[in-house]
Protein backbone atom coordinates (compact mmCIF):
# COMPACT_ATOMS: atom_id res chain seq x y z
CA UNK A 1 -17.21 -18.23 -79.86
CA UNK A 2 -13.75 -16.62 -79.74
CA UNK A 3 -12.17 -16.50 -76.30
CA UNK A 4 -9.25 -14.57 -74.87
CA UNK A 5 -7.25 -16.25 -72.10
CA UNK A 6 -4.24 -14.60 -70.46
CA UNK A 7 -1.39 -15.81 -68.29
CA UNK A 8 -1.99 -13.14 -65.62
CA UNK A 9 -5.11 -11.21 -64.72
CA UNK A 10 -3.53 -7.89 -63.72
CA UNK A 11 -0.35 -7.83 -65.82
CA UNK A 12 -0.60 -10.31 -68.70
CA UNK A 13 2.40 -11.11 -70.86
CA UNK A 14 0.60 -13.49 -73.24
CA UNK A 15 -2.90 -14.06 -74.55
CA UNK A 16 -4.39 -17.16 -76.18
CA UNK A 17 -6.96 -16.38 -78.82
CA UNK A 18 -8.99 -19.41 -79.69
CA UNK A 19 -12.35 -20.71 -80.88
CA UNK A 20 -14.74 -23.00 -79.03
CA UNK A 21 -18.25 -24.26 -79.69
CA UNK A 22 -18.65 -24.83 -75.93
CA UNK A 23 -18.57 -22.44 -73.00
CA UNK A 24 -15.32 -20.47 -72.72
CA UNK A 25 -15.13 -21.36 -69.01
CA UNK A 26 -14.97 -25.04 -69.96
CA UNK A 27 -12.11 -24.31 -72.37
CA UNK A 28 -10.28 -22.38 -69.64
CA UNK A 29 -10.65 -25.34 -67.29
CA UNK A 30 -9.25 -27.72 -69.93
CA UNK A 31 -6.29 -25.45 -70.66
CA UNK A 32 -5.58 -24.87 -66.97
CA UNK A 33 -5.00 -28.58 -66.45
CA UNK A 34 -1.83 -28.51 -68.56
CA UNK A 35 -0.61 -25.04 -67.65
CA UNK A 36 2.14 -24.34 -65.10
CA UNK A 37 0.69 -20.86 -64.47
CA UNK A 38 -2.78 -19.71 -63.48
CA UNK A 39 -4.78 -18.72 -66.56
CA UNK A 40 -7.57 -16.16 -66.71
CA UNK A 41 -10.51 -15.77 -69.06
CA UNK A 42 -10.47 -12.11 -70.08
CA UNK A 43 -13.49 -12.30 -72.33
CA UNK A 44 -15.18 -13.78 -75.38
CA UNK A 45 -17.19 -12.73 -78.38
CA UNK A 46 -19.77 -14.62 -80.39
CA UNK A 47 -18.07 -15.06 -83.75
CA UNK A 48 -17.41 -17.74 -86.35
CA UNK A 49 -14.14 -19.63 -86.84
CA UNK A 50 -13.26 -17.38 -89.76
CA UNK A 51 -13.12 -14.37 -87.45
CA UNK A 52 -10.56 -16.17 -85.26
CA UNK A 53 -8.36 -16.72 -88.32
CA UNK A 54 -8.70 -13.04 -89.23
CA UNK A 55 -7.62 -11.97 -85.73
CA UNK A 56 -4.67 -14.37 -85.85
CA UNK A 57 -3.65 -12.90 -89.21
CA UNK A 58 -3.85 -9.30 -87.97
CA UNK A 59 -1.71 -10.20 -84.93
CA UNK A 60 0.72 -12.50 -86.77
CA UNK A 61 3.75 -10.36 -85.79
CA UNK A 62 2.90 -10.90 -82.10
CA UNK A 63 2.47 -14.70 -82.30
CA UNK A 64 4.74 -16.69 -80.03
CA UNK A 65 3.42 -20.21 -80.56
CA UNK A 66 0.20 -21.67 -81.91
CA UNK A 67 -2.66 -19.51 -80.69
CA UNK A 68 -0.56 -17.61 -78.10
CA UNK A 69 0.41 -13.97 -78.69
CA UNK A 70 2.68 -11.53 -76.82
CA UNK A 71 0.64 -9.01 -74.88
CA UNK A 72 1.00 -5.42 -76.05
CA UNK A 73 -1.13 -2.30 -76.27
CA UNK A 74 -1.82 -3.14 -79.91
CA UNK A 75 -2.92 -6.67 -79.08
CA UNK A 76 -5.09 -5.40 -76.21
CA UNK A 77 -6.73 -2.81 -78.51
CA UNK A 78 -7.28 -5.34 -81.26
CA UNK A 79 -8.95 -7.67 -78.75
CA UNK A 80 -10.93 -4.72 -77.32
CA UNK A 81 -9.48 -4.84 -73.77
């Protein structure tokens, strides 16, 4: 499952695009523990790990660090928000 977690619910500046075999809510909880800001689960799609890599490749110009990407209209459209 590919999940989309943002740093702000109303006005995000970053989005984490990751893969989990578990519930996305559990992944959010794990990430929240180490985050200085409140994180929000924006959505998820049932998809294999390969799809996550494809999304990361398409958004490579927006990557800030690891699986985190700068929020933009293009990123939002690509993630179907």
